């Protein structure tokens, strides 16, 4: 088993010499086995190990005993122990999600905090071949394309996660631990068939293996590997096709309207599009959707391919996010209402403390100094305060631009600003003009504030003076 993990890590380039790797250890067999394998390989791989355990605030005394078990394991192996905790039931209620989803969100958010605090470069989690098979089968049941069938990836760079056990079965894990005389903890919630994954694990998969394919887990894991290769291929293919098929802006009598590029409109060349295979057409449409900041379901792809077919009359379609599609003789034109009045780019200096009028917004942006130590008592939301000592003396206010990224506090990873401005995140449907003019604030070239979002955890005030940035509407 150690040799298989070694080969898997090297084949996928998961761990590099000198990296600090925090192993996510719940106390269960999979995570304990991952820890023991990496302890054996750490000198050969040149990595520095620690243990990360997250207490989810559920399962009561059982979870407390899991924590004690993992702490003792860390002490016995003389490894640094990181402990995180969260109120999963409260998070599930607030987010209106399942306990399983809420637990994963809190855990991953804490993992990212370890990375942001430079306590780890990567987090190793113990997903196995069985987890892969269960994930793929679950997505088949719910409906998934190639990317969904790819299942669990060996690495998620944006989350700093690596999964060295994806080719190892749960049976192999337990056999390995028994050979070492290593105990582990059993999570009683893993038997709760109220959870879809547990029903698949304990009921559906065993039935299918018994009646149809004894090697089904490996078959599903192989399917995921094939789908990942397909997804990688289409990513590169679509990146090559889109510049040839899609043009920014809408056509006008004098040529293409360049202002359309700024407003987010785009046009698909129908003649070139029809020459593609059906598979390529679907991937191109998904790519356009991603460029417009929306996710398209299969029904939307079918509607768009029907619109694009020869002989179809002029049509209009509304996609998620209010994106509209209109068909002309030569093109499918993607855009939204009210894109004509688009403000130009802007850039202003904002002294600290001080304020500046943003003509394009019809508002002022004000930077005020407050005491970080009394922010809660003063009524300020701590998530809106920036540590003054970490900021440049003069900030820059500008509208966001393509490629901008921002890492709001209490999120799992940096986000593209374009994604943050979706209606579900800002609480309203923005016009193209509103989207383009949305303000961000830079300090020394780094975005530290985006209107409507918590400031990055890395800039949260520790003590001393803090900066509060607020938008104040100008009187008409």
Protein backbone atom coordinates (compact mmCIF):
# COMPACT_ATOMS: atom_id res chain seq x y z
CA UNK A 1 0.00 0.00 0.00
CA UNK A 2 2.83 2.41 0.81
CA UNK A 3 4.37 1.79 -2.60
CA UNK A 4 1.04 2.45 -4.37
CA UNK A 5 0.58 5.74 -2.53
CA UNK A 6 4.17 6.72 -3.32
CA UNK A 7 3.60 6.10 -7.04
CA UNK A 8 0.26 7.93 -7.01
CA UNK A 9 1.74 10.99 -5.30
CA UNK A 10 4.60 11.12 -7.79
CA UNK A 11 2.43 10.49 -10.86
CA UNK A 12 0.13 13.39 -10.01
CA UNK A 13 2.81 15.65 -8.47
CA UNK A 14 0.75 16.02 -5.29
CA UNK A 15 3.54 16.76 -2.80
CA UNK A 16 6.83 18.57 -3.31
CA UNK A 17 9.98 18.61 -1.17
CA UNK A 18 9.90 21.29 1.50
CA UNK A 19 6.11 21.55 1.66
CA UNK A 20 4.32 21.61 5.01
CA UNK A 21 1.47 19.13 4.81
CA UNK A 22 -1.33 19.10 7.37
CA UNK A 23 -3.08 15.73 7.33
CA UNK A 24 -6.81 16.01 7.99
CA UNK A 25 -7.41 13.32 10.61
CA UNK A 26 -10.91 12.64 11.89
CA UNK A 27 -9.88 9.50 13.76
CA UNK A 28 -11.51 7.15 11.25
CA UNK A 29 -9.66 4.34 9.51
CA UNK A 30 -9.07 6.21 6.22
CA UNK A 31 -7.51 9.33 7.76
CA UNK A 32 -5.44 7.37 10.29
CA UNK A 33 -4.09 5.17 7.48
CA UNK A 34 -3.21 8.24 5.37
CA UNK A 35 -1.34 9.69 8.33
CA UNK A 36 0.62 6.50 8.96
CA UNK A 37 1.54 6.13 5.28
CA UNK A 38 2.74 9.74 5.01
CA UNK A 39 4.77 9.33 8.21
CA UNK A 40 6.54 6.45 6.47
CA UNK A 41 7.11 8.48 3.30
CA UNK A 42 7.87 11.92 4.73
CA UNK A 43 11.66 11.67 4.60
CA UNK A 44 11.61 10.25 1.09
CA UNK A 45 9.18 12.94 -0.11
CA UNK A 46 10.92 15.70 1.84
CA UNK A 47 7.74 16.98 3.48
CA UNK A 48 6.98 18.31 6.98
CA UNK A 49 3.88 16.77 8.53
CA UNK A 50 1.33 18.01 11.05
CA UNK A 51 -2.16 16.86 12.04
CA UNK A 52 -5.34 18.90 11.55
CA UNK A 53 -8.52 17.86 13.40
CA UNK A 54 -11.84 19.73 13.19
CA UNK A 55 -14.54 19.37 15.86
CA UNK A 56 -17.89 19.93 14.12
CA UNK A 57 -19.98 20.50 17.25
CA UNK A 58 -22.12 17.40 16.61
CA UNK A 59 -22.19 13.84 18.00
CA UNK A 60 -21.51 15.09 21.55
CA UNK A 61 -19.23 12.92 23.71
CA UNK A 62 -18.33 10.71 20.75
CA UNK A 63 -16.80 13.68 18.92
CA UNK A 64 -14.95 14.73 22.08
CA UNK A 65 -13.45 11.23 22.28
CA UNK A 66 -12.44 11.45 18.58
CA UNK A 67 -10.57 14.66 19.38
CA UNK A 68 -8.80 13.05 22.33
CA UNK A 69 -7.85 10.06 20.18
CA UNK A 70 -6.34 12.23 17.44
CA UNK A 71 -4.54 14.41 20.00
CA UNK A 72 -2.99 11.27 21.53
CA UNK A 73 -2.01 10.06 18.06
CA UNK A 74 -0.26 13.37 17.36
CA UNK A 75 1.56 13.19 20.69
CA UNK A 76 2.67 9.61 20.05
CA UNK A 77 4.01 10.49 16.59
CA UNK A 78 5.49 13.76 17.88
CA UNK A 79 3.62 15.83 15.30
CA UNK A 80 2.22 19.34 15.60
CA UNK A 81 -1.52 19.26 16.29
CA UNK A 82 -3.93 21.85 14.85
CA UNK A 83 -7.44 21.93 16.32
CA UNK A 84 -10.41 23.71 14.80
CA UNK A 85 -14.05 23.83 15.85
CA UNK A 86 -17.37 25.05 14.54
CA UNK A 87 -21.11 24.97 15.19
CA UNK A 88 -22.28 22.84 12.27
CA UNK A 89 -26.01 22.77 13.18
CA UNK A 90 -26.10 26.59 13.41
CA UNK A 91 -24.25 26.93 10.09
CA UNK A 92 -26.64 24.47 8.44
CA UNK A 93 -29.64 26.46 9.65
CA UNK A 94 -28.18 29.77 8.49
CA UNK A 95 -27.17 28.42 5.09
CA UNK A 96 -30.30 26.24 4.74
CA UNK A 97 -28.10 23.28 3.89
CA UNK A 98 -27.67 19.72 5.11
CA UNK A 99 -25.49 18.92 8.10
CA UNK A 100 -23.09 17.08 5.79
CA UNK A 101 -22.70 20.11 3.51
CA UNK A 102 -22.38 22.53 6.43
CA UNK A 103 -19.72 20.36 8.08
CA UNK A 104 -17.69 20.23 4.87
CA UNK A 105 -17.93 24.00 4.37
CA UNK A 106 -16.77 24.77 7.91
CA UNK A 107 -13.97 22.22 7.73
CA UNK A 108 -12.67 23.45 4.37
CA UNK A 109 -12.88 27.07 5.50
CA UNK A 110 -10.71 26.20 8.51
CA UNK A 111 -8.25 24.32 6.30
CA UNK A 112 -7.82 27.48 4.23
CA UNK A 113 -7.22 29.47 7.40
CA UNK A 114 -4.32 27.12 8.22
CA UNK A 115 -2.84 27.86 4.82
CA UNK A 116 -3.46 31.61 5.06
CA UNK A 117 -1.74 31.66 8.48
CA UNK A 118 1.26 29.87 6.90
CA UNK A 119 0.77 26.84 9.13
CA UNK A 120 0.50 24.54 6.10
CA UNK A 121 1.10 24.62 2.37
CA UNK A 122 -1.28 21.76 1.58
CA UNK A 123 -3.99 19.78 3.32
CA UNK A 124 -4.02 16.02 2.72
CA UNK A 125 -7.43 14.36 3.01
CA UNK A 126 -8.17 10.64 3.06
CA UNK A 127 -10.63 10.09 0.22
CA UNK A 128 -10.35 6.51 -1.01
CA UNK A 129 -11.34 4.54 -4.10
CA UNK A 130 -14.62 3.71 -2.30
CA UNK A 131 -15.36 7.41 -1.80
CA UNK A 132 -14.66 7.97 -5.48
CA UNK A 133 -17.06 5.19 -6.52
CA UNK A 134 -19.80 6.49 -4.22
CA UNK A 135 -19.39 10.04 -5.55
CA UNK A 136 -19.57 8.98 -9.21
CA UNK A 137 -22.63 6.79 -8.62
CA UNK A 138 -24.36 9.58 -6.69
CA UNK A 139 -23.74 12.02 -9.56
CA UNK A 140 -25.01 9.52 -12.12
CA UNK A 141 -28.24 9.26 -10.13
CA UNK A 142 -28.59 13.05 -9.93
CA UNK A 143 -27.51 13.70 -13.51
CA UNK A 144 -24.04 14.82 -14.49
CA UNK A 145 -21.90 15.69 -17.49
CA UNK A 146 -18.27 14.80 -18.09
CA UNK A 147 -17.00 17.08 -15.35
CA UNK A 148 -19.43 15.62 -12.80
CA UNK A 149 -18.44 12.07 -13.70
CA UNK A 150 -14.80 13.02 -13.05
CA UNK A 151 -15.72 12.74 -9.37
CA UNK A 152 -13.10 13.60 -6.78
CA UNK A 153 -9.91 15.09 -8.22
CA UNK A 154 -6.47 14.11 -6.88
CA UNK A 155 -5.81 17.79 -6.20
CA UNK A 156 -7.84 20.99 -5.80
CA UNK A 157 -5.29 23.75 -6.14
CA UNK A 158 -7.65 26.57 -5.15
CA UNK A 159 -8.37 24.79 -1.84
CA UNK A 160 -4.81 23.50 -1.38
CA UNK A 161 -6.23 19.96 -1.03
CA UNK A 162 -4.48 16.74 -2.08
CA UNK A 163 -5.90 13.19 -1.91
CA UNK A 164 -3.15 10.56 -1.97
CA UNK A 165 -5.43 7.55 -1.24
CA UNK A 166 -7.78 7.74 -4.24
CA UNK A 167 -6.50 4.46 -5.69
CA UNK A 168 -6.67 2.57 -2.37
CA UNK A 169 -9.82 0.72 -1.28
CA UNK A 170 -11.33 0.91 2.20
CA UNK A 171 -10.64 -2.79 2.67
CA UNK A 172 -6.95 -2.23 1.94
CA UNK A 173 -6.89 0.64 4.42
CA UNK A 174 -8.24 -1.48 7.26
CA UNK A 175 -5.92 -4.39 6.42
CA UNK A 176 -2.95 -2.02 6.51
CA UNK A 177 -3.92 -0.63 9.92
CA UNK A 178 -4.40 -4.13 11.34
CA UNK A 179 -0.93 -5.08 10.12
CA UNK A 180 0.44 -2.17 12.17
CA UNK A 181 -1.70 -2.91 15.21
CA UNK A 182 -3.09 0.62 14.80
CA UNK A 183 -6.57 1.31 16.16
CA UNK A 184 -9.04 3.83 14.80
CA UNK A 185 -12.40 5.38 15.66
CA UNK A 186 -15.77 4.49 14.15
CA UNK A 187 -18.13 7.41 13.38
CA UNK A 188 -21.68 6.31 14.21
CA UNK A 189 -23.11 8.91 11.82
CA UNK A 190 -21.62 6.95 8.91
CA UNK A 191 -24.36 4.36 9.50
CA UNK A 192 -27.18 6.90 9.33
CA UNK A 193 -29.07 6.04 6.14
CA UNK A 194 -30.86 9.39 6.21
CA UNK A 195 -27.78 10.64 4.33
CA UNK A 196 -27.83 9.89 0.59
CA UNK A 197 -24.16 8.89 0.54
CA UNK A 198 -24.70 6.39 3.36
CA UNK A 199 -27.64 4.80 1.54
CA UNK A 200 -25.46 4.43 -1.52
CA UNK A 201 -22.58 3.04 0.57
CA UNK A 202 -24.51 0.54 2.66
CA UNK A 203 -27.43 -0.36 0.41
CA UNK A 204 -27.23 0.49 -3.30
CA UNK A 205 -23.56 -0.27 -4.03
CA UNK A 206 -23.59 -3.68 -2.27
CA UNK A 207 -26.80 -4.64 -4.14
CA UNK A 208 -25.32 -3.65 -7.50
CA UNK A 209 -22.08 -5.50 -6.75
CA UNK A 210 -23.96 -8.64 -5.77
CA UNK A 211 -26.37 -8.66 -8.69
CA UNK A 212 -24.41 -7.08 -11.55
CA UNK A 213 -20.71 -6.37 -11.12
CA UNK A 214 -18.53 -7.51 -8.19
CA UNK A 215 -15.84 -5.03 -9.31
CA UNK A 216 -18.23 -2.07 -9.56
CA UNK A 217 -16.23 0.19 -7.23
CA UNK A 218 -13.13 -0.13 -9.37
CA UNK A 219 -15.24 0.30 -12.52
CA UNK A 220 -16.70 3.56 -11.23
CA UNK A 221 -13.27 4.80 -10.13
CA UNK A 222 -11.94 3.98 -13.62
CA UNK A 223 -14.84 5.94 -15.12
CA UNK A 224 -13.84 8.96 -13.02
CA UNK A 225 -10.25 8.69 -14.27
CA UNK A 226 -11.45 8.57 -17.90
CA UNK A 227 -13.81 11.51 -17.34
CA UNK A 228 -11.01 13.61 -15.82
CA UNK A 229 -8.95 13.08 -18.95
CA UNK A 230 -11.93 14.05 -21.10
CA UNK A 231 -12.53 17.18 -19.01
CA UNK A 232 -8.88 18.23 -19.35
CA UNK A 233 -9.05 17.72 -23.12
CA UNK A 234 -12.21 19.80 -23.52
CA UNK A 235 -10.83 22.60 -21.34
CA UNK A 236 -7.94 23.00 -23.78
CA UNK A 237 -10.13 22.53 -26.86
CA UNK A 238 -12.71 25.11 -25.78
CA UNK A 239 -9.96 27.60 -24.91
CA UNK A 240 -8.83 27.28 -28.55
CA UNK A 241 -12.32 27.35 -30.09
CA UNK A 242 -13.89 30.29 -28.27
CA UNK A 243 -11.69 33.05 -29.73
CA UNK A 244 -12.54 31.80 -33.25
CA UNK A 245 -16.28 31.43 -32.69
CA UNK A 246 -17.22 34.20 -30.25
CA UNK A 247 -16.83 37.95 -30.72
CA UNK A 248 -17.38 40.62 -28.09
CA UNK A 249 -20.16 43.12 -28.75
CA UNK A 250 -23.07 43.18 -31.18
CA UNK A 251 -22.85 43.94 -34.89
CA UNK A 252 -23.84 47.39 -36.18
CA UNK A 253 -24.07 48.94 -39.63
CA UNK A 254 -20.51 50.20 -39.35
CA UNK A 255 -19.12 46.95 -37.99
CA UNK A 256 -19.01 45.44 -34.50
CA UNK A 257 -19.98 47.70 -31.63
CA UNK A 258 -16.86 47.78 -29.47
CA UNK A 259 -18.79 49.05 -26.46
CA UNK A 260 -20.46 45.65 -26.34
CA UNK A 261 -17.27 44.13 -25.04
CA UNK A 262 -17.42 46.32 -21.97
CA UNK A 263 -21.11 45.60 -21.43
CA UNK A 264 -20.66 41.85 -21.43
CA UNK A 265 -22.42 41.11 -24.71
CA UNK A 266 -21.04 38.41 -27.01
CA UNK A 267 -22.02 36.89 -30.35
CA UNK A 268 -21.57 33.30 -31.54
CA UNK A 269 -20.84 32.70 -35.24
CA UNK A 270 -23.56 30.24 -36.30
CA UNK A 271 -21.95 29.04 -39.52
CA UNK A 272 -18.73 28.05 -37.75
CA UNK A 273 -20.67 26.66 -34.79
CA UNK A 274 -22.77 24.36 -36.99
CA UNK A 275 -19.61 22.79 -38.43
CA UNK A 276 -18.66 21.47 -34.99
CA UNK A 277 -19.57 18.05 -33.65
CA UNK A 278 -22.48 17.90 -31.22
CA UNK A 279 -20.03 17.25 -28.37
CA UNK A 280 -17.94 20.30 -29.30
CA UNK A 281 -21.07 22.47 -29.64
CA UNK A 282 -22.16 21.57 -26.12
CA UNK A 283 -18.74 22.31 -24.68
CA UNK A 284 -18.53 25.68 -26.49
CA UNK A 285 -21.92 26.70 -25.10
CA UNK A 286 -20.81 25.72 -21.60
CA UNK A 287 -17.69 27.83 -22.15
CA UNK A 288 -19.76 30.85 -23.18
CA UNK A 289 -21.90 30.36 -20.08
CA UNK A 290 -18.81 30.40 -17.88
CA UNK A 291 -17.61 33.58 -19.59
CA UNK A 292 -20.99 35.19 -18.86
CA UNK A 293 -20.75 34.09 -15.21
CA UNK A 294 -23.53 31.48 -15.30
CA UNK A 295 -23.78 27.69 -15.13
CA UNK A 296 -25.87 26.05 -17.85
CA UNK A 297 -27.90 22.90 -17.30
CA UNK A 298 -28.43 20.29 -20.03
CA UNK A 299 -31.88 21.71 -20.83
CA UNK A 300 -30.34 25.12 -21.54
CA UNK A 301 -27.75 23.54 -23.85
CA UNK A 302 -30.51 21.72 -25.72
CA UNK A 303 -32.49 24.95 -26.12
CA UNK A 304 -29.45 26.79 -27.44
CA UNK A 305 -28.47 24.09 -29.93
CA UNK A 306 -32.06 24.07 -31.21
CA UNK A 307 -31.91 27.87 -31.62
CA UNK A 308 -28.65 27.54 -33.53
CA UNK A 309 -29.88 24.86 -35.95
CA UNK A 310 -30.49 25.72 -39.59
CA UNK A 311 -34.05 26.64 -40.48
CA UNK A 312 -34.91 27.85 -36.99
CA UNK A 313 -36.77 31.16 -36.93
CA UNK A 314 -35.77 34.23 -34.93
CA UNK A 315 -36.04 33.40 -31.24
CA UNK A 316 -35.27 34.82 -27.85
CA UNK A 317 -34.27 32.85 -24.76
CA UNK A 318 -33.67 33.92 -21.16
CA UNK A 319 -30.95 32.01 -19.32
CA UNK A 320 -30.06 31.96 -15.60
CA UNK A 321 -28.82 35.29 -14.27
CA UNK A 322 -31.05 37.24 -16.64
CA UNK A 323 -28.75 36.60 -19.61
CA UNK A 324 -30.73 36.87 -22.84
CA UNK A 325 -29.97 35.12 -26.14
CA UNK A 326 -31.30 36.36 -29.47
CA UNK A 327 -30.87 34.69 -32.84
CA UNK A 328 -30.05 36.68 -35.95
CA UNK A 329 -29.34 35.30 -39.41
CA UNK A 330 -25.64 34.80 -38.68
CA UNK A 331 -25.26 34.82 -34.89
CA UNK A 332 -26.54 33.92 -31.47
CA UNK A 333 -26.24 37.14 -29.47
CA UNK A 334 -25.76 36.82 -25.71
CA UNK A 335 -26.41 39.80 -23.48
CA UNK A 336 -28.90 41.39 -21.11
CA UNK A 337 -31.33 44.33 -21.20
CA UNK A 338 -30.03 47.80 -20.49
CA UNK A 339 -26.48 47.32 -21.75
CA UNK A 340 -26.36 50.54 -23.77
CA UNK A 341 -25.51 52.96 -20.96
CA UNK A 342 -22.24 51.51 -19.72
CA UNK A 343 -20.00 53.72 -17.57
CA UNK A 344 -16.32 54.01 -18.48
CA UNK A 345 -13.53 52.61 -16.34
CA UNK A 346 -12.58 54.82 -13.39
CA UNK A 347 -9.73 55.13 -10.88
CA UNK A 348 -9.48 57.47 -7.87
CA UNK A 349 -7.15 57.92 -4.89
CA UNK A 350 -8.65 57.48 -1.43
CA UNK A 351 -6.57 58.89 1.47
CA UNK A 352 -6.78 57.23 4.89
CA UNK A 353 -8.62 58.86 6.55
CA UNK A 354 -10.54 60.73 3.88
CA UNK A 355 -13.18 60.47 1.18
CA UNK A 356 -13.56 60.74 -2.57
CA UNK A 357 -16.56 61.31 -4.86
CA UNK A 358 -17.04 58.60 -7.48
CA UNK A 359 -18.93 60.29 -10.33
CA UNK A 360 -19.58 56.98 -12.07
CA UNK A 361 -21.31 55.63 -8.96
CA UNK A 362 -23.11 58.78 -7.87
CA UNK A 363 -21.62 58.10 -4.45
CA UNK A 364 -18.73 58.91 -2.14
CA UNK A 365 -16.35 56.35 -0.72
CA UNK A 366 -15.17 57.23 2.76
CA UNK A 367 -12.30 55.73 4.77
CA UNK A 368 -12.78 56.26 8.52
CA UNK A 369 -10.50 55.38 11.41
CA UNK A 370 -12.03 53.44 14.29
CA UNK A 371 -10.62 51.56 17.23
CA UNK A 372 -10.33 47.86 16.37
CA UNK A 373 -10.46 46.90 20.02
CA UNK A 374 -13.93 48.34 20.59
CA UNK A 375 -15.45 47.63 17.19
CA UNK A 376 -18.02 45.17 18.47
CA UNK A 377 -19.20 47.52 21.23
CA UNK A 378 -19.30 50.42 18.78
CA UNK A 379 -21.70 48.63 16.47
CA UNK A 380 -19.24 48.10 13.60
CA UNK A 381 -19.29 44.73 11.88
CA UNK A 382 -15.81 43.26 12.41
CA UNK A 383 -16.00 41.74 8.91
CA UNK A 384 -16.00 45.26 7.45
CA UNK A 385 -12.86 46.54 9.21
CA UNK A 386 -9.30 46.58 7.84
CA UNK A 387 -6.09 46.68 9.86
CA UNK A 388 -4.61 50.13 9.20
CA UNK A 389 -1.05 48.92 9.78
CA UNK A 390 -1.41 46.55 6.82
CA UNK A 391 -2.66 49.22 4.39
CA UNK A 392 -0.88 51.75 2.21
CA UNK A 393 -1.28 55.42 3.30
CA UNK A 394 -3.39 56.09 0.20
CA UNK A 395 -5.74 53.54 -1.33
CA UNK A 396 -7.00 53.21 -4.91
CA UNK A 397 -10.70 53.03 -5.76
CA UNK A 398 -11.61 51.63 -9.17
CA UNK A 399 -14.23 49.55 -10.94
CA UNK A 400 -13.51 45.81 -11.00
CA UNK A 401 -11.98 44.32 -14.13
CA UNK A 402 -11.79 40.89 -15.76
CA UNK A 403 -9.42 38.62 -13.86
CA UNK A 404 -9.79 40.41 -10.51
CA UNK A 405 -9.90 38.02 -7.56
CA UNK A 406 -10.99 38.62 -3.95
CA UNK A 407 -10.92 36.45 -0.82
CA UNK A 408 -13.85 37.45 1.44
CA UNK A 409 -13.59 36.37 5.07
CA UNK A 410 -15.49 33.19 5.97
CA UNK A 411 -15.23 31.79 2.45
CA UNK A 412 -13.26 28.74 1.43
CA UNK A 413 -11.07 30.20 -1.31
CA UNK A 414 -10.42 33.32 -3.39
CA UNK A 415 -13.20 34.12 -5.87
CA UNK A 416 -13.31 35.91 -9.16
CA UNK A 417 -15.08 39.23 -8.63
CA UNK A 418 -17.22 38.37 -11.65
CA UNK A 419 -18.56 35.36 -9.73
CA UNK A 420 -19.18 37.40 -6.58
CA UNK A 421 -21.44 39.78 -8.51
CA UNK A 422 -24.01 37.10 -9.31
CA UNK A 423 -27.50 37.89 -8.06
CA UNK A 424 -27.47 35.14 -5.42
CA UNK A 425 -24.41 36.70 -3.78
CA UNK A 426 -25.21 40.42 -3.92
CA UNK A 427 -28.91 39.97 -3.20
CA UNK A 428 -30.16 41.63 -6.39
CA UNK A 429 -30.06 41.26 -10.13
CA UNK A 430 -27.50 43.78 -11.40
CA UNK A 431 -27.71 45.44 -14.76
CA UNK A 432 -24.60 45.30 -16.92
CA UNK A 433 -23.95 48.97 -16.10
CA UNK A 434 -24.19 48.30 -12.36
CA UNK A 435 -21.91 45.27 -12.67
CA UNK A 436 -19.25 47.14 -14.60
CA UNK A 437 -19.21 50.10 -12.18
CA UNK A 438 -19.04 47.95 -9.03
CA UNK A 439 -16.25 49.41 -6.85
CA UNK A 440 -13.19 47.71 -5.40
CA UNK A 441 -10.42 49.19 -3.27
CA UNK A 442 -6.74 48.34 -3.72
CA UNK A 443 -3.84 48.68 -1.32
CA UNK A 444 -0.42 48.37 -2.96
CA UNK A 445 -2.00 46.57 -5.91
CA UNK A 446 -4.02 44.04 -3.85
CA UNK A 447 -7.81 44.18 -3.63
CA UNK A 448 -8.72 44.58 0.06
CA UNK A 449 -12.36 45.69 -0.20
CA UNK A 450 -15.27 44.89 -2.51
CA UNK A 451 -18.58 46.61 -1.94
CA UNK A 452 -21.05 44.30 -0.18
CA UNK A 453 -18.53 41.64 0.94
CA UNK A 454 -16.51 40.89 4.08
CA UNK A 455 -12.90 42.03 3.97
CA UNK A 456 -10.19 39.32 3.68
CA UNK A 457 -9.30 37.53 6.90
CA UNK A 458 -5.64 38.36 6.25
CA UNK A 459 -6.46 42.08 6.66
CA UNK A 460 -8.71 41.75 9.72
CA UNK A 461 -7.60 44.13 12.50
CA UNK A 462 -5.77 42.58 15.45
CA UNK A 463 -5.46 45.66 17.65
CA UNK A 464 -4.87 49.37 17.37
CA UNK A 465 -6.54 51.42 14.64
CA UNK A 466 -8.82 49.94 12.00
CA UNK A 467 -10.15 51.39 8.76
CA UNK A 468 -13.84 51.31 7.89
CA UNK A 469 -14.63 51.88 4.20
CA UNK A 470 -18.22 52.81 3.43
CA UNK A 471 -20.14 54.01 0.43
CA UNK A 472 -22.30 57.12 0.94
CA UNK A 473 -24.85 58.03 -1.73
CA UNK A 474 -24.43 61.54 -3.14
CA UNK A 475 -27.53 63.80 -2.87
CA UNK A 476 -29.29 64.32 -6.19
